[in-house]
């Protein structure tokens, strides 16, 4: 499985998102899987990737947090259960990765 973190230039959550992604992959026993970072720089690229804001966490090209919003070069907000934040909570990212195993 290929994991990719997608960000935009200057995103203040890029580094914390990468750290979170690595932590979750390790906790789920997937730290040997490829993890890359891709900087999305144009509206066309955002459209082609179905990119819904930075940071976006993907597996095999699919967004781990599917969104109904239009693709855009923008910051992304995640529901934390209490409010919204620039990153998902650790447990929701773990659950999203665990769900990949049940889709096999």
C-alpha atoms as a PDB file:
ATOM      1  CA  UNK A   1       0.000   0.000   0.000  1.00  0.00           C
ATOM      2  CA  UNK A   2       1.257   3.479  -0.839  1.00  0.00           C
ATOM      3  CA  UNK A   3       0.567   6.300   1.592  1.00  0.00           C
ATOM      4  CA  UNK A   4       0.888   9.944   0.606  1.00  0.00           C
ATOM      5  CA  UNK A   5       0.524  13.192   2.507  1.00  0.00           C
ATOM      6  CA  UNK A   6      -0.655  15.985   0.225  1.00  0.00           C
ATOM      7  CA  UNK A   7      -0.030  19.586   1.201  1.00  0.00           C
ATOM      8  CA  UNK A   8       0.092  23.076  -0.264  1.00  0.00           C
ATOM      9  CA  UNK A   9       3.054  25.473  -0.120  1.00  0.00           C
ATOM     10  CA  UNK A  10       3.283  27.207   3.238  1.00  0.00           C
ATOM     11  CA  UNK A  11       0.764  24.987   5.025  1.00  0.00           C
ATOM     12  CA  UNK A  12       1.394  25.395   8.775  1.00  0.00           C
ATOM     13  CA  UNK A  13       0.136  21.854   9.388  1.00  0.00           C
ATOM     14  CA  UNK A  14       2.457  20.058   6.938  1.00  0.00           C
ATOM     15  CA  UNK A  15       5.140  19.056   9.439  1.00  0.00           C
ATOM     16  CA  UNK A  16       2.728  18.092  12.243  1.00  0.00           C
ATOM     17  CA  UNK A  17       0.667  16.111   9.701  1.00  0.00           C
ATOM     18  CA  UNK A  18       3.710  14.169   8.535  1.00  0.00           C
ATOM     19  CA  UNK A  19       4.662  13.416  12.133  1.00  0.00           C
ATOM     20  CA  UNK A  20       1.096  12.268  12.878  1.00  0.00           C
ATOM     21  CA  UNK A  21       0.959  10.097   9.736  1.00  0.00           C
ATOM     22  CA  UNK A  22       4.256   8.404  10.627  1.00  0.00           C
ATOM     23  CA  UNK A  23       3.116   7.845  14.221  1.00  0.00           C
ATOM     24  CA  UNK A  24      -0.170   6.286  13.125  1.00  0.00           C
ATOM     25  CA  UNK A  25       1.426   4.082  10.471  1.00  0.00           C
ATOM     26  CA  UNK A  26       3.873   2.783  13.084  1.00  0.00           C
ATOM     27  CA  UNK A  27       1.064   2.155  15.582  1.00  0.00           C
ATOM     28  CA  UNK A  28      -0.851   0.206  12.934  1.00  0.00           C
ATOM     29  CA  UNK A  29       2.199  -1.848  11.904  1.00  0.00           C
ATOM     30  CA  UNK A  30       2.434  -0.159   8.513  1.00  0.00           C
ATOM     31  CA  UNK A  31       5.640   1.802   9.064  1.00  0.00           C
ATOM     32  CA  UNK A  32       7.408  -0.280   6.397  1.00  0.00           C
ATOM     33  CA  UNK A  33       4.896   0.844   3.758  1.00  0.00           C
ATOM     34  CA  UNK A  34       5.954   3.679   1.423  1.00  0.00           C
ATOM     35  CA  UNK A  35       5.027   7.177   2.654  1.00  0.00           C
ATOM     36  CA  UNK A  36       5.631  10.146   0.399  1.00  0.00           C
ATOM     37  CA  UNK A  37       4.837  13.838   0.584  1.00  0.00           C
ATOM     38  CA  UNK A  38       3.395  15.685  -2.396  1.00  0.00           C
ATOM     39  CA  UNK A  39       3.059  19.437  -2.612  1.00  0.00           C
ATOM     40  CA  UNK A  40       0.016  20.395  -4.679  1.00  0.00           C
ATOM     41  CA  UNK A  41       0.726  23.684  -6.455  1.00  0.00           C
ATOM     42  CA  UNK A  42      -2.027  24.347  -8.994  1.00  0.00           C
ATOM     43  CA  UNK A  43      -5.801  24.289  -9.267  1.00  0.00           C
ATOM     44  CA  UNK A  44      -5.493  21.824 -12.146  1.00  0.00           C
ATOM     45  CA  UNK A  45      -3.424  19.459 -10.027  1.00  0.00           C
ATOM     46  CA  UNK A  46      -5.904  19.826  -7.146  1.00  0.00           C
ATOM     47  CA  UNK A  47      -8.751  18.956  -9.499  1.00  0.00           C
ATOM     48  CA  UNK A  48      -6.897  15.975 -11.006  1.00  0.00           C
ATOM     49  CA  UNK A  49      -6.049  14.596  -7.552  1.00  0.00           C
ATOM     50  CA  UNK A  50      -9.472  15.390  -6.054  1.00  0.00           C
ATOM     51  CA  UNK A  51      -7.523  17.336  -3.440  1.00  0.00           C
ATOM     52  CA  UNK A  52      -9.769  18.867  -0.778  1.00  0.00           C
ATOM     53  CA  UNK A  53      -7.243  20.919   1.127  1.00  0.00           C
ATOM     54  CA  UNK A  54      -4.023  20.699   3.064  1.00  0.00           C
ATOM     55  CA  UNK A  55      -3.095  18.452   4.662  1.00  0.00           C
ATOM     56  CA  UNK A  56      -4.775  15.447   3.021  1.00  0.00           C
ATOM     57  CA  UNK A  57      -3.953  11.880   4.002  1.00  0.00           C
ATOM     58  CA  UNK A  58      -4.207   9.302   1.204  1.00  0.00           C
ATOM     59  CA  UNK A  59      -3.741   5.580   0.654  1.00  0.00           C
ATOM     60  CA  UNK A  60      -3.288   4.190  -2.857  1.00  0.00           C
ATOM     61  CA  UNK A  61      -4.452   7.558  -4.183  1.00  0.00           C
ATOM     62  CA  UNK A  62      -7.704   7.645  -2.208  1.00  0.00           C
ATOM     63  CA  UNK A  63      -8.439  10.241   0.455  1.00  0.00           C
ATOM     64  CA  UNK A  64      -8.676   8.657   3.912  1.00  0.00           C
ATOM     65  CA  UNK A  65     -11.231  11.339   4.820  1.00  0.00           C
ATOM     66  CA  UNK A  66     -13.473  11.629   1.736  1.00  0.00           C
ATOM     67  CA  UNK A  67     -14.974  15.087   1.329  1.00  0.00           C
ATOM     68  CA  UNK A  68     -17.936  16.392  -0.621  1.00  0.00           C
ATOM     69  CA  UNK A  69     -16.401  19.825  -1.119  1.00  0.00           C
ATOM     70  CA  UNK A  70     -14.969  20.917  -4.439  1.00  0.00           C
ATOM     71  CA  UNK A  71     -11.236  20.328  -4.928  1.00  0.00           C
ATOM     72  CA  UNK A  72      -9.226  23.401  -3.941  1.00  0.00           C
ATOM     73  CA  UNK A  73      -5.815  24.749  -2.988  1.00  0.00           C
ATOM     74  CA  UNK A  74      -6.733  25.631   0.567  1.00  0.00           C
ATOM     75  CA  UNK A  75      -6.303  24.690   4.187  1.00  0.00           C
ATOM     76  CA  UNK A  76      -8.355  21.748   5.356  1.00  0.00           C
ATOM     77  CA  UNK A  77     -10.325  21.369   8.558  1.00  0.00           C
ATOM     78  CA  UNK A  78     -11.084  18.110  10.357  1.00  0.00           C
ATOM     79  CA  UNK A  79     -13.905  17.382  12.791  1.00  0.00           C
ATOM     80  CA  UNK A  80     -12.329  16.450  16.121  1.00  0.00           C
ATOM     81  CA  UNK A  81     -15.579  15.517  17.829  1.00  0.00           C
ATOM     82  CA  UNK A  82     -15.563  18.745  19.841  1.00  0.00           C
ATOM     83  CA  UNK A  83     -14.623  21.318  17.223  1.00  0.00           C
ATOM     84  CA  UNK A  84     -12.570  21.560  14.033  1.00  0.00           C
ATOM     85  CA  UNK A  85      -8.800  21.601  13.656  1.00  0.00           C
ATOM     86  CA  UNK A  86      -6.127  21.584  10.981  1.00  0.00           C
ATOM     87  CA  UNK A  87      -5.362  17.908  11.689  1.00  0.00           C
ATOM     88  CA  UNK A  88      -7.524  14.878  12.380  1.00  0.00           C
ATOM     89  CA  UNK A  89      -7.279  13.387  15.854  1.00  0.00           C
ATOM     90  CA  UNK A  90      -4.905  10.442  16.103  1.00  0.00           C
ATOM     91  CA  UNK A  91      -7.665   7.892  16.698  1.00  0.00           C
ATOM     92  CA  UNK A  92      -9.687   8.959  13.650  1.00  0.00           C
ATOM     93  CA  UNK A  93      -6.628   8.575  11.412  1.00  0.00           C
ATOM     94  CA  UNK A  94      -5.929   5.165  12.976  1.00  0.00           C
ATOM     95  CA  UNK A  95      -9.540   4.133  12.315  1.00  0.00           C
ATOM     96  CA  UNK A  96      -9.299   5.295   8.697  1.00  0.00           C
ATOM     97  CA  UNK A  97      -6.158   3.211   8.176  1.00  0.00           C
ATOM     98  CA  UNK A  98      -7.678   0.183   9.928  1.00  0.00           C
ATOM     99  CA  UNK A  99     -10.684   0.405   7.614  1.00  0.00           C
ATOM    100  CA  UNK A 100      -8.365  -0.191   4.647  1.00  0.00           C
ATOM    101  CA  UNK A 101      -7.707  -3.725   5.883  1.00  0.00           C
ATOM    102  CA  UNK A 102     -11.427  -4.496   5.988  1.00  0.00           C
ATOM    103  CA  UNK A 103     -11.802  -3.300   2.378  1.00  0.00           C
ATOM    104  CA  UNK A 104      -9.430  -5.954   1.032  1.00  0.00           C
END
